[in-house]
Amino acid sequence: MKMNSQWITAALFAVSGIFTTEAQAQLQLGIGANYVNSVGNDNSLSQDGALGGGVMLRYFIAPQVALTLNGRYLTEGDSGYRINNLIATAGADFFLSEGNTRPYLGAEAGVYHTFFTRTLAKAPSVTNFGVAPKAGILFMLNSKIGLDFNLGYHLIFYDGFTGKNLLLGAGLVFDVGQ
């Protein structure tokens, strides 16, 4: 009986240590709106400007450095023809200050999948690699909820040319843990 209680006690300490460590990690989840428009004449992601939304996961490895995962869906067009963009990127953000107002610089890299829909016709789709330097500002409204505004310059490497796009994002972020 004494041996079982020692194992149970050791297991409880191990489990509480895992949960304590997890609770102290700074994890941020976000949801937001996005607008993208091509820079120049390449029309790579958008001909007239595309609207959409996305989700973001930000994991702080240090108080001013975070790793990010982003997923975005953007679309434009009318009922007869639509351009749809599905973007999945990973990156890093470097925050220039600590506190409630936190400007940051970052970079993303990932996959840009564009597919077209037409009425009564099969349309092509393409998948390409891209990178994006970005800048933003995070306003924490309280210890758990904030507003995130960012602007990225997305370079997408197509076969034969590089698409250049500005992507504007605005959203809510929620701190998990700590």
Foldseek 3Di string as FASTA:
>chain_A
DVVVVVVVVVVVVVVVVVVQVVQAWKKKKKKWKKKKDFDPDPCPQHDPIWIWMKMKIWTDPDQFKTKMWIWIWIKDDDPFKMKIKIWIWIWMWGWPDDDQKTKIKMKIKGKIKIWMDGPPDHTDIDIWIKMKIKIWMWGAPDPFKIKIWMWIFIWTDDVPDIITMIMIIIIMMTIGHD
